[in-house]
Amino acid sequence: MRRRRSQEELDGLDFSTAEEIKKLSSLSFTPQKRRPKQSKITKNTVLYSHAHSYPSSILKIKTDESVNPHSPNVYVLAGTIDVLIEILTHPLGKDQDFETTFIMSSDGFLSPRELFERIIQRWEGGSVTIRENIIEFFKIWLKKRKDVLEDDQTLKKDFLEWVDQMDITGLDEMKSTGFKIFIKTQLEGKNVSSQFNADVSKTEEMLHAEYLEGAPESYPILDFSLNLEYDLLSFHPEELARQLTLYDADLLKRIKPHEWLKKGWMSGKSKNITQFIDRFNLVSNWVSSMIVLGPTKSFRALLIGRFICVGMHCLLLNNYNSVLEIVSGMTSTACSRLLQTWQEVEPGMMRSLERLKELVSPANKFKALKEAQEAAEGPTIPYLGLYLNDLTLIEDGNPDVTNEELINFDKYTMVAQTILKSEDFKNKLMYRLYPVEEIQIWLKEHLLVLSEDDMFEESLQRESRELNSLLKAKLGKKANI
């Protein structure tokens, strides 16, 4: 809930030297340029030489001899569903990049139920080698796409029944038993192997140590009274940045791979991506609303300074999503026109804001932001708009099937590249931070947001067009925020 501050409180604040602003006014951050991480897959997936055995009417490939003319790389461009599944489990060997691309993007051309049934058909008529490859495929599929079976309980039930009854004639007993243990552990949570669970715990500890090395202190800064109705100034900027980060991280974790396909966020089919987008707009509008509702220009300047501090702390946490939320809110039309207010903001704060604006500038298709996100180390919350835009361009510019009625696998390779980037961010979301219930509830339920029209009307009441026109003429270029 938002608490109205009395006039006595406002009069008693020394806005130029308020402790919480002064302490953070020198905060700066210059993103380090690191070598961009290599994508898990390349433009097209390298295949083994058996791809040449298929006629061009059912499989289109491209050969690249630039690396090694004697052993050229082969890329799948298009193919029938049956051929793609054969390549996925081919007895002469499988290609991991092709497998990853298929798993992450197959929902675009094949339902999970149909995929399961086609793989089982392949199992029933397949050799021992094919069956071994199918076992490995299902393990990878479950690791990367467990959400498929969580969303379809009937498919999950059928899959578990098949695992119980599958014919393991000729298969290595240890491998087949290990497969059954793995599946039941993943889907039923059964403690079927203490050694397996011990290995999982050890792996989690290693990941925890790897991604949290050098993370900021996690103990909450609880310098607010539990008896007050909260507003922006109730909380320490660093703690507010932490809680915003935890909130965003929770939303990002919920996004499932299939939600990135077919522009589902535009049709309402990708509910978790839609929630992430809606949250971005809400926080951005909250920032604008808080500023324009400030009763005096000095108080509005204090709020701007506080938001800049929160934004800088979000940047230090690699929370690029919240950085852009805050900058977008502060640079909205309703806020940027408040020239008298901006003249009250401390120069140090303005320099910090300029750094943030440079980072999230849309220039060159958000080049600076994209490079910073993909080079960031440790837990990172990206601005998803970059990847949604890429997927939209891929979707609009490439057909699902070719003129020969083959699956356009080249398109789905590009889609998978983008999905894998988002999955990489999700897999690293191990912030060593504690949620503060009071702040989390406030962020969820009590952010005051005005409509765009009301926001602009409040802005006009704070600073009229006439006065701002005079000030703008006086300041010249310095009036640009």
Protein backbone atom coordinates (compact mmCIF):
# COMPACT_ATOMS: atom_id res chain seq x y z
CA MET A 1 0.00 0.00 0.00
CA ARG A 2 1.14 3.53 -0.72
CA ARG A 3 1.55 5.85 2.26
CA ARG A 4 1.02 9.56 1.72
CA ARG A 5 3.81 11.56 3.31
CA SER A 6 2.69 14.59 5.29
CA GLN A 7 3.80 18.08 4.36
CA GLU A 8 5.84 18.19 7.59
CA GLU A 9 7.77 15.12 6.46
CA LEU A 10 8.38 16.64 3.03
CA ASP A 11 9.51 19.94 4.50
CA GLY A 12 11.85 18.12 6.87
CA LEU A 13 13.74 16.24 4.16
CA ASP A 14 17.04 17.67 2.97
CA PHE A 15 16.72 16.55 -0.63
CA SER A 16 20.22 17.50 -1.68
CA THR A 17 21.94 15.52 1.06
CA ALA A 18 19.44 12.79 1.98
CA GLU A 19 21.60 9.99 3.34
CA GLU A 20 20.22 7.20 1.18
CA ILE A 21 20.86 9.23 -1.99
CA LYS A 22 24.20 10.68 -0.98
CA LYS A 23 25.59 7.26 -0.13
CA LEU A 24 24.73 5.88 -3.56
CA SER A 25 25.20 8.95 -5.75
CA SER A 26 28.75 7.93 -6.65
CA LEU A 27 27.69 4.43 -7.69
CA SER A 28 28.83 3.71 -11.22
CA PHE A 29 29.11 0.68 -13.41
CA THR A 30 30.98 0.12 -16.62
CA PRO A 31 30.11 -3.23 -18.23
CA GLN A 32 33.22 -5.26 -18.89
CA LYS A 33 33.69 -6.48 -22.42
CA ARG A 34 34.00 -10.22 -22.32
CA ARG A 35 34.31 -12.70 -25.11
CA PRO A 36 30.77 -13.55 -26.25
CA LYS A 37 29.71 -17.07 -25.38
CA GLN A 38 29.50 -19.55 -28.19
CA SER A 39 26.02 -20.75 -29.04
CA LYS A 40 25.35 -24.42 -28.46
CA ILE A 41 24.42 -24.85 -32.11
CA THR A 42 25.57 -23.22 -35.31
CA LYS A 43 23.46 -21.93 -38.18
CA ASN A 44 22.81 -25.46 -39.35
CA THR A 45 23.58 -28.71 -37.61
CA VAL A 46 26.54 -30.87 -38.57
CA LEU A 47 25.49 -34.36 -39.68
CA TYR A 48 27.27 -37.54 -40.41
CA SER A 49 27.87 -38.78 -43.92
CA HIS A 50 24.78 -41.01 -43.88
CA ALA A 51 22.66 -37.93 -44.71
CA HIS A 52 23.80 -38.36 -48.32
CA SER A 53 21.97 -41.68 -48.53
CA TYR A 54 18.57 -39.98 -48.69
CA PRO A 55 17.14 -38.74 -52.01
CA SER A 56 16.67 -34.98 -52.34
CA SER A 57 12.91 -35.44 -52.60
CA ILE A 58 12.73 -36.25 -48.87
CA LEU A 59 15.86 -34.56 -47.46
CA LYS A 60 17.54 -31.30 -48.44
CA ILE A 61 21.09 -30.78 -47.19
CA LYS A 62 23.91 -28.30 -47.60
CA THR A 63 27.58 -29.23 -47.67
CA ASP A 64 30.29 -26.96 -46.28
CA GLU A 65 33.87 -27.77 -47.28
CA SER A 66 35.41 -24.54 -45.98
CA VAL A 67 36.68 -26.11 -42.75
CA ASN A 68 37.89 -29.44 -44.09
CA PRO A 69 37.46 -30.31 -47.80
CA HIS A 70 38.20 -33.97 -47.07
CA SER A 71 35.53 -34.22 -44.37
CA PRO A 72 32.90 -31.59 -45.14
CA ASN A 73 30.16 -30.61 -42.74
CA VAL A 74 26.62 -31.49 -43.76
CA TYR A 75 23.65 -29.36 -42.71
CA VAL A 76 19.97 -30.28 -42.82
CA LEU A 77 17.85 -27.68 -44.59
CA ALA A 78 14.55 -29.55 -44.94
CA GLY A 79 13.08 -33.02 -44.75
CA THR A 80 10.02 -35.14 -44.09
CA ILE A 81 9.10 -35.88 -40.48
CA ASP A 82 9.92 -39.57 -40.94
CA VAL A 83 13.39 -38.82 -42.27
CA LEU A 84 14.12 -36.30 -39.51
CA ILE A 85 13.21 -38.92 -36.90
CA GLU A 86 15.35 -41.52 -38.66
CA ILE A 87 18.33 -39.16 -38.57
CA LEU A 88 17.59 -38.49 -34.91
CA THR A 89 18.09 -42.18 -34.05
CA HIS A 90 20.22 -43.40 -36.96
CA PRO A 91 22.18 -46.63 -36.28
CA LEU A 92 25.37 -45.15 -37.75
CA GLY A 93 25.40 -42.47 -35.10
CA LYS A 94 23.57 -39.33 -34.07
CA ASP A 95 24.48 -35.67 -34.19
CA GLN A 96 24.05 -33.86 -30.87
CA ASP A 97 23.47 -30.47 -32.47
CA PHE A 98 20.75 -31.86 -34.71
CA GLU A 99 19.20 -33.58 -31.69
CA THR A 100 19.20 -30.37 -29.64
CA THR A 101 17.65 -28.38 -32.48
CA PHE A 102 14.96 -31.00 -32.97
CA ILE A 103 14.07 -31.23 -29.27
CA MET A 104 13.86 -27.47 -28.73
CA SER A 105 11.82 -26.67 -31.84
CA SER A 106 9.85 -29.80 -32.78
CA ASP A 107 6.65 -28.47 -31.18
CA GLY A 108 6.49 -26.17 -34.18
CA PHE A 109 5.85 -29.02 -36.61
CA LEU A 110 5.03 -32.06 -34.46
CA SER A 111 2.91 -32.46 -31.32
CA PRO A 112 4.56 -34.19 -28.32
CA ARG A 113 2.02 -37.00 -28.58
CA GLU A 114 2.80 -37.58 -32.26
CA LEU A 115 6.54 -37.44 -31.56
CA PHE A 116 6.20 -40.06 -28.82
CA GLU A 117 4.14 -42.37 -31.03
CA ARG A 118 6.53 -42.07 -33.98
CA ILE A 119 9.54 -42.78 -31.77
CA ILE A 120 7.81 -45.87 -30.34
CA GLN A 121 7.08 -47.09 -33.87
CA ARG A 122 10.77 -46.67 -34.63
CA TRP A 123 11.60 -48.65 -31.48
CA GLU A 124 9.33 -51.57 -32.36
CA GLY A 125 10.94 -52.15 -35.72
CA GLY A 126 14.43 -51.00 -34.84
CA SER A 127 17.73 -52.74 -34.29
CA VAL A 128 19.52 -52.87 -30.95
CA THR A 129 21.61 -49.83 -31.96
CA ILE A 130 18.52 -47.85 -32.91
CA ARG A 131 16.90 -48.74 -29.59
CA GLU A 132 19.99 -47.65 -27.69
CA ASN A 133 19.87 -44.33 -29.54
CA ILE A 134 16.17 -43.97 -28.70
CA ILE A 135 16.95 -44.49 -25.01
CA GLU A 136 19.56 -41.74 -25.17
CA PHE A 137 17.14 -39.50 -27.06
CA PHE A 138 14.41 -39.91 -24.44
CA LYS A 139 16.88 -39.07 -21.67
CA ILE A 140 17.91 -35.84 -23.39
CA TRP A 141 14.29 -35.06 -24.32
CA LEU A 142 13.21 -35.42 -20.70
CA LYS A 143 16.09 -33.31 -19.39
CA LYS A 144 15.33 -30.46 -21.77
CA ARG A 145 11.56 -30.81 -22.17
CA LYS A 146 10.19 -32.21 -18.94
CA ASP A 147 7.50 -29.54 -19.22
CA VAL A 148 5.91 -31.53 -22.06
CA LEU A 149 4.95 -34.38 -19.75
CA GLU A 150 4.08 -32.06 -16.87
CA ASP A 151 1.54 -30.33 -19.13
CA ASP A 152 0.08 -33.56 -20.52
CA GLN A 153 -0.60 -36.04 -17.73
CA THR A 154 -2.12 -38.56 -20.15
CA LEU A 155 1.06 -38.59 -22.21
CA LYS A 156 3.09 -38.87 -19.01
CA LYS A 157 1.06 -41.91 -17.93
CA ASP A 158 1.47 -43.57 -21.34
CA PHE A 159 5.19 -42.86 -21.35
CA LEU A 160 5.68 -44.39 -17.89
CA GLU A 161 3.66 -47.46 -18.89
CA TRP A 162 5.80 -47.90 -21.98
CA VAL A 163 8.98 -47.62 -19.89
CA ASP A 164 7.68 -50.34 -17.54
CA GLN A 165 6.79 -52.68 -20.40
CA MET A 166 9.44 -51.87 -23.01
CA ASP A 167 11.14 -54.79 -24.71
CA ILE A 168 14.82 -54.78 -23.71
CA THR A 169 15.80 -57.93 -25.61
CA GLY A 170 19.42 -57.62 -26.72
CA LEU A 171 20.00 -54.39 -24.82
CA ASP A 172 22.67 -53.91 -22.20
CA GLU A 173 20.91 -54.71 -18.92
CA MET A 174 22.73 -52.03 -16.95
CA LYS A 175 21.88 -49.33 -19.50
CA SER A 176 18.22 -50.28 -19.74
CA THR A 177 17.87 -50.50 -15.95
CA GLY A 178 19.61 -47.17 -15.55
CA PHE A 179 17.21 -45.67 -18.09
CA LYS A 180 14.18 -46.88 -16.13
CA ILE A 181 15.65 -45.52 -12.89
CA PHE A 182 16.31 -42.17 -14.54
CA ILE A 183 12.78 -41.88 -15.95
CA LYS A 184 11.05 -42.81 -12.71
CA THR A 185 13.26 -40.46 -10.71
CA GLN A 186 12.54 -37.58 -13.06
CA LEU A 187 8.79 -38.14 -13.44
CA GLU A 188 7.75 -39.79 -10.18
CA GLY A 189 10.36 -38.44 -7.79
CA LYS A 190 11.06 -41.91 -6.45
CA ASN A 191 14.21 -42.48 -4.43
CA VAL A 192 15.12 -45.51 -6.53
CA SER A 193 18.85 -45.04 -6.26
CA SER A 194 20.63 -43.39 -3.36
CA GLN A 195 23.81 -43.16 -5.43
CA PHE A 196 21.93 -41.41 -8.23
CA ASN A 197 20.46 -38.89 -5.81
CA ALA A 198 23.86 -38.33 -4.21
CA ASP A 199 25.32 -37.57 -7.64
CA VAL A 200 22.48 -35.13 -8.34
CA SER A 201 23.08 -33.33 -5.02
CA LYS A 202 26.79 -33.12 -5.74
CA THR A 203 26.09 -31.68 -9.18
CA GLU A 204 23.71 -29.08 -7.73
CA GLU A 205 26.34 -28.03 -5.19
CA MET A 206 28.94 -27.63 -7.94
CA LEU A 207 26.56 -25.53 -10.04
CA HIS A 208 25.64 -23.47 -7.00
CA ALA A 209 29.30 -22.74 -6.25
CA GLU A 210 30.12 -22.03 -9.89
CA TYR A 211 27.37 -19.52 -10.57
CA LEU A 212 27.35 -17.80 -7.20
CA GLU A 213 31.06 -17.17 -6.92
CA GLY A 214 31.51 -13.46 -6.40
CA ALA A 215 27.77 -12.82 -5.99
CA PRO A 216 26.74 -9.82 -3.88
CA GLU A 217 25.95 -10.17 -0.20
CA SER A 218 22.58 -11.80 0.18
CA TYR A 219 21.47 -10.78 3.65
CA PRO A 220 18.41 -8.52 3.36
CA ILE A 221 18.71 -4.85 4.25
CA LEU A 222 15.74 -4.56 6.58
CA ASP A 223 15.77 -0.87 7.45
CA PHE A 224 12.03 -0.28 7.25
CA SER A 225 9.27 -0.40 9.84
CA LEU A 226 6.73 -3.22 9.58
CA ASN A 227 4.03 -0.88 10.85
CA LEU A 228 4.10 1.56 7.94
CA GLU A 229 2.24 1.60 4.67
CA TYR A 230 5.05 1.35 2.16
CA ASP A 231 6.15 3.55 -0.71
CA LEU A 232 9.29 3.75 -2.83
CA LEU A 233 11.31 5.52 -0.13
CA SER A 234 10.44 2.90 2.49
CA PHE A 235 13.10 0.50 1.22
CA HIS A 236 16.84 0.61 0.67
CA PRO A 237 17.54 0.91 -3.10
CA GLU A 238 19.82 -2.12 -3.10
CA GLU A 239 17.26 -4.31 -1.36
CA LEU A 240 14.51 -3.12 -3.68
CA ALA A 241 16.72 -4.05 -6.65
CA ARG A 242 17.26 -7.49 -5.14
CA GLN A 243 13.55 -8.07 -4.65
CA LEU A 244 12.76 -6.87 -8.18
CA THR A 245 15.38 -9.32 -9.41
CA LEU A 246 13.88 -12.24 -7.48
CA TYR A 247 10.43 -11.34 -8.80
CA ASP A 248 11.66 -11.25 -12.40
CA ALA A 249 13.68 -14.44 -11.95
CA ASP A 250 10.59 -16.31 -10.80
CA LEU A 251 8.65 -15.16 -13.88
CA LEU A 252 11.50 -16.11 -16.21
CA LYS A 253 11.79 -19.61 -14.73
CA ARG A 254 8.16 -20.32 -15.57
CA ILE A 255 8.60 -19.82 -19.32
CA LYS A 256 8.54 -23.13 -21.18
CA PRO A 257 10.42 -23.79 -24.44
CA HIS A 258 7.29 -24.27 -26.55
CA GLU A 259 6.07 -20.78 -25.60
CA TRP A 260 8.70 -19.24 -27.87
CA LEU A 261 7.19 -20.87 -30.95
CA LYS A 262 4.66 -19.46 -33.45
CA LYS A 263 4.53 -16.01 -31.80
CA GLY A 264 2.38 -17.45 -29.04
CA TRP A 265 2.81 -14.30 -26.93
CA MET A 266 0.74 -12.41 -29.51
CA SER A 267 -2.14 -14.89 -29.53
CA GLY A 268 -2.33 -15.52 -25.79
CA LYS A 269 -1.00 -19.08 -26.05
CA SER A 270 2.29 -18.26 -24.31
CA LYS A 271 0.87 -17.23 -20.94
CA ASN A 272 4.19 -17.04 -19.09
CA ILE A 273 5.86 -14.87 -21.72
CA THR A 274 2.74 -12.70 -21.74
CA GLN A 275 2.97 -12.33 -17.95
CA PHE A 276 6.62 -11.32 -18.27
CA ILE A 277 5.73 -8.67 -20.86
CA ASP A 278 2.80 -7.40 -18.78
CA ARG A 279 5.04 -7.14 -15.74
CA PHE A 280 7.58 -5.12 -17.70
CA ASN A 281 4.89 -2.64 -18.76
CA LEU A 282 3.45 -2.43 -15.24
CA VAL A 283 6.80 -1.65 -13.57
CA SER A 284 7.69 0.87 -16.26
CA ASN A 285 4.35 2.64 -15.82
CA TRP A 286 4.75 2.50 -12.03
CA VAL A 287 8.06 4.35 -12.30
CA SER A 288 6.42 7.06 -14.42
CA SER A 289 3.38 7.27 -12.14
CA MET A 290 5.44 7.66 -8.98
CA ILE A 291 7.45 10.50 -10.47
CA VAL A 292 4.54 12.53 -11.85
CA LEU A 293 2.63 12.15 -8.58
CA GLY A 294 5.44 13.77 -6.59
CA PRO A 295 3.97 16.95 -5.03
CA THR A 296 7.06 19.16 -5.44
CA LYS A 297 9.88 19.31 -7.95
CA SER A 298 12.42 18.58 -5.20
CA PHE A 299 10.53 15.50 -4.12
CA ARG A 300 10.19 14.33 -7.72
CA ALA A 301 13.94 14.79 -8.15
CA LEU A 302 14.47 12.67 -5.04
CA LEU A 303 12.29 9.92 -6.52
CA ILE A 304 14.22 10.06 -9.80
CA GLY A 305 17.48 9.74 -7.88
CA ARG A 306 16.12 6.77 -5.98
CA PHE A 307 15.02 5.02 -9.18
CA ILE A 308 18.45 5.62 -10.72
CA CYS A 309 20.07 3.99 -7.67
CA VAL A 310 17.72 1.01 -7.94
CA GLY A 311 18.53 0.73 -11.64
CA MET A 312 22.28 0.75 -10.99
CA HIS A 313 21.91 -1.99 -8.39
CA CYS A 314 19.81 -4.01 -10.86
CA LEU A 315 22.63 -3.65 -13.35
CA LEU A 316 25.14 -4.96 -10.82
CA LEU A 317 22.83 -7.97 -10.41
CA ASN A 318 22.75 -8.51 -14.21
CA ASN A 319 19.03 -7.74 -14.15
CA TYR A 320 18.88 -6.03 -17.53
CA ASN A 321 15.12 -6.41 -17.69
CA SER A 322 14.55 -4.19 -14.66
CA VAL A 323 17.17 -1.70 -15.85
CA LEU A 324 15.18 -1.17 -19.03
CA GLU A 325 11.89 -1.07 -17.09
CA ILE A 326 13.20 1.75 -14.92
CA VAL A 327 14.85 3.72 -17.73
CA SER A 328 11.72 3.40 -19.88
CA GLY A 329 9.60 4.72 -17.04
CA MET A 330 11.87 7.69 -16.33
CA THR A 331 12.14 8.66 -19.99
CA SER A 332 8.42 8.38 -20.78
CA THR A 333 6.76 11.44 -22.29
CA ALA A 334 5.00 12.30 -19.04
CA CYS A 335 8.29 12.28 -17.10
CA SER A 336 10.80 13.60 -19.61
CA ARG A 337 8.82 16.83 -20.09
CA LEU A 338 9.23 17.77 -16.40
CA LEU A 339 12.18 20.06 -17.12
CA GLN A 340 12.03 21.93 -13.81
CA THR A 341 12.19 18.62 -11.98
CA TRP A 342 15.15 17.33 -13.96
CA GLN A 343 17.10 20.49 -13.16
CA GLU A 344 16.92 19.46 -9.49
CA VAL A 345 18.47 16.02 -10.01
CA GLU A 346 22.05 15.77 -8.76
CA PRO A 347 24.73 15.80 -11.51
CA GLY A 348 26.16 12.50 -10.26
CA MET A 349 22.78 10.87 -10.62
CA MET A 350 22.38 12.27 -14.12
CA ARG A 351 25.74 10.79 -15.12
CA SER A 352 24.62 7.40 -13.82
CA LEU A 353 21.37 7.70 -15.75
CA GLU A 354 23.30 8.46 -18.93
CA ARG A 355 25.28 5.25 -18.44
CA LEU A 356 22.07 3.28 -18.08
CA LYS A 357 20.53 4.95 -21.12
CA GLU A 358 23.58 4.19 -23.25
CA LEU A 359 23.40 0.54 -22.24
CA VAL A 360 19.71 0.11 -23.12
CA SER A 361 19.70 2.38 -26.15
CA PRO A 362 17.72 0.93 -29.09
CA ALA A 363 20.49 2.08 -31.44
CA ASN A 364 21.70 -0.65 -33.80
CA LYS A 365 18.93 -2.99 -32.65
CA PHE A 366 19.92 -2.74 -28.97
CA LYS A 367 23.47 -3.80 -29.82
CA ALA A 368 25.02 -2.65 -26.52
CA LEU A 369 22.34 -4.35 -24.43
CA LYS A 370 22.49 -7.57 -26.41
CA GLU A 371 26.27 -7.79 -26.10
CA ALA A 372 26.16 -7.06 -22.38
CA GLN A 373 23.49 -9.70 -21.72
CA GLU A 374 25.21 -12.44 -23.65
CA ALA A 375 28.64 -11.67 -22.18
CA ALA A 376 27.38 -11.44 -18.59
CA GLU A 377 28.69 -14.01 -16.14
CA GLY A 378 26.57 -15.58 -13.43
CA PRO A 379 22.81 -15.22 -12.96
CA THR A 380 21.32 -12.92 -15.58
CA ILE A 381 17.81 -11.69 -16.34
CA PRO A 382 17.69 -10.53 -19.96
CA TYR A 383 15.35 -8.15 -21.69
CA LEU A 384 13.23 -10.68 -23.55
CA GLY A 385 12.07 -8.19 -26.16
CA LEU A 386 15.34 -8.73 -28.04
CA TYR A 387 14.65 -12.43 -28.51
CA LEU A 388 10.94 -12.01 -29.18
CA ASN A 389 11.82 -9.62 -31.97
CA ASP A 390 14.33 -12.10 -33.44
CA LEU A 391 11.75 -14.89 -33.33
CA THR A 392 9.13 -12.68 -34.96
CA LEU A 393 11.49 -11.91 -37.85
CA ILE A 394 12.32 -15.60 -38.25
CA GLU A 395 8.66 -16.59 -38.14
CA ASP A 396 7.49 -13.92 -40.58
CA GLY A 397 10.39 -14.35 -42.98
CA ASN A 398 10.50 -18.13 -43.32
CA PRO A 399 7.75 -20.61 -44.24
CA ASP A 400 7.09 -23.69 -42.11
CA VAL A 401 7.35 -25.96 -45.14
CA THR A 402 9.21 -25.71 -48.43
CA ASN A 403 7.71 -25.75 -51.90
CA GLU A 404 8.34 -29.51 -51.89
CA GLU A 405 6.18 -29.85 -48.72
CA LEU A 406 9.21 -30.65 -46.57
CA ILE A 407 9.66 -29.37 -43.01
CA ASN A 408 11.79 -26.21 -43.23
CA PHE A 409 14.37 -27.39 -40.71
CA ASP A 410 16.65 -24.46 -41.49
CA LYS A 411 13.99 -22.18 -40.00
CA TYR A 412 13.66 -24.31 -36.88
CA THR A 413 17.42 -24.33 -36.44
CA MET A 414 17.34 -20.53 -36.21
CA VAL A 415 14.40 -20.74 -33.80
CA ALA A 416 16.24 -23.27 -31.62
CA GLN A 417 19.28 -20.99 -31.41
CA THR A 418 17.14 -18.26 -29.88
CA ILE A 419 15.31 -20.62 -27.52
CA LEU A 420 18.60 -22.02 -26.27
CA LYS A 421 19.78 -18.54 -25.33
CA SER A 422 16.74 -18.08 -23.10
CA GLU A 423 17.20 -21.56 -21.62
CA ASP A 424 20.82 -20.73 -20.81
CA PHE A 425 19.66 -17.71 -18.82
CA LYS A 426 17.05 -19.82 -17.00
CA ASN A 427 19.57 -22.50 -16.09
CA LYS A 428 21.81 -19.93 -14.39
CA LEU A 429 19.13 -18.26 -12.26
CA MET A 430 20.73 -19.12 -8.93
CA TYR A 431 20.74 -15.79 -7.14
CA ARG A 432 22.02 -15.95 -3.58
CA LEU A 433 19.29 -13.65 -2.37
CA TYR A 434 16.56 -13.95 0.22
CA PRO A 435 12.98 -12.95 -0.60
CA VAL A 436 11.56 -10.38 1.82
CA GLU A 437 7.87 -11.17 2.12
CA GLU A 438 6.74 -7.60 2.84
CA ILE A 439 8.52 -6.23 -0.23
CA GLN A 440 7.44 -9.10 -2.47
CA ILE A 441 3.79 -8.58 -1.52
CA TRP A 442 4.15 -4.85 -2.10
CA LEU A 443 5.72 -5.40 -5.53
CA LYS A 444 2.96 -7.83 -6.47
CA GLU A 445 -0.13 -6.10 -5.14
CA HIS A 446 0.48 -2.46 -4.28
CA LEU A 447 2.30 -0.71 -7.12
CA LEU A 448 0.37 2.43 -7.98
CA VAL A 449 -0.07 2.73 -11.75
CA LEU A 450 -1.92 5.48 -13.59
CA SER A 451 -3.36 5.22 -17.06
CA GLU A 452 -1.36 6.92 -19.79
CA ASP A 453 -3.89 9.77 -20.05
CA ASP A 454 -4.01 10.32 -16.28
CA MET A 455 -0.24 10.20 -16.12
CA PHE A 456 0.12 12.96 -18.69
CA GLU A 457 -2.60 15.03 -17.01
CA GLU A 458 -0.74 14.79 -13.69
CA SER A 459 2.44 15.82 -15.47
CA LEU A 460 0.73 18.92 -16.87
CA GLN A 461 -0.55 19.84 -13.42
CA ARG A 462 2.96 19.61 -12.00
CA GLU A 463 4.60 21.67 -14.74
CA SER A 464 2.54 23.57 -17.30
CA ARG A 465 3.33 23.69 -21.00
CA GLU A 466 3.88 27.43 -20.85
CA LEU A 467 6.50 27.35 -18.10
CA ASN A 468 8.26 24.39 -19.67
CA SER A 469 8.37 26.12 -23.05
CA LEU A 470 10.10 29.11 -21.49
CA LEU A 471 12.56 26.88 -19.63
CA LYS A 472 13.22 24.80 -22.74
CA ALA A 473 14.03 27.92 -24.75
CA LYS A 474 16.39 29.05 -22.02
CA LEU A 475 18.18 25.71 -21.64
CA GLY A 476 18.43 24.83 -25.33
CA LYS A 477 20.07 21.44 -25.89
CA LYS A 478 20.49 20.98 -22.14
CA ALA A 479 16.72 20.54 -21.90
CA ASN A 480 16.88 17.14 -23.61
CA ILE A 481 16.51 14.33 -21.09
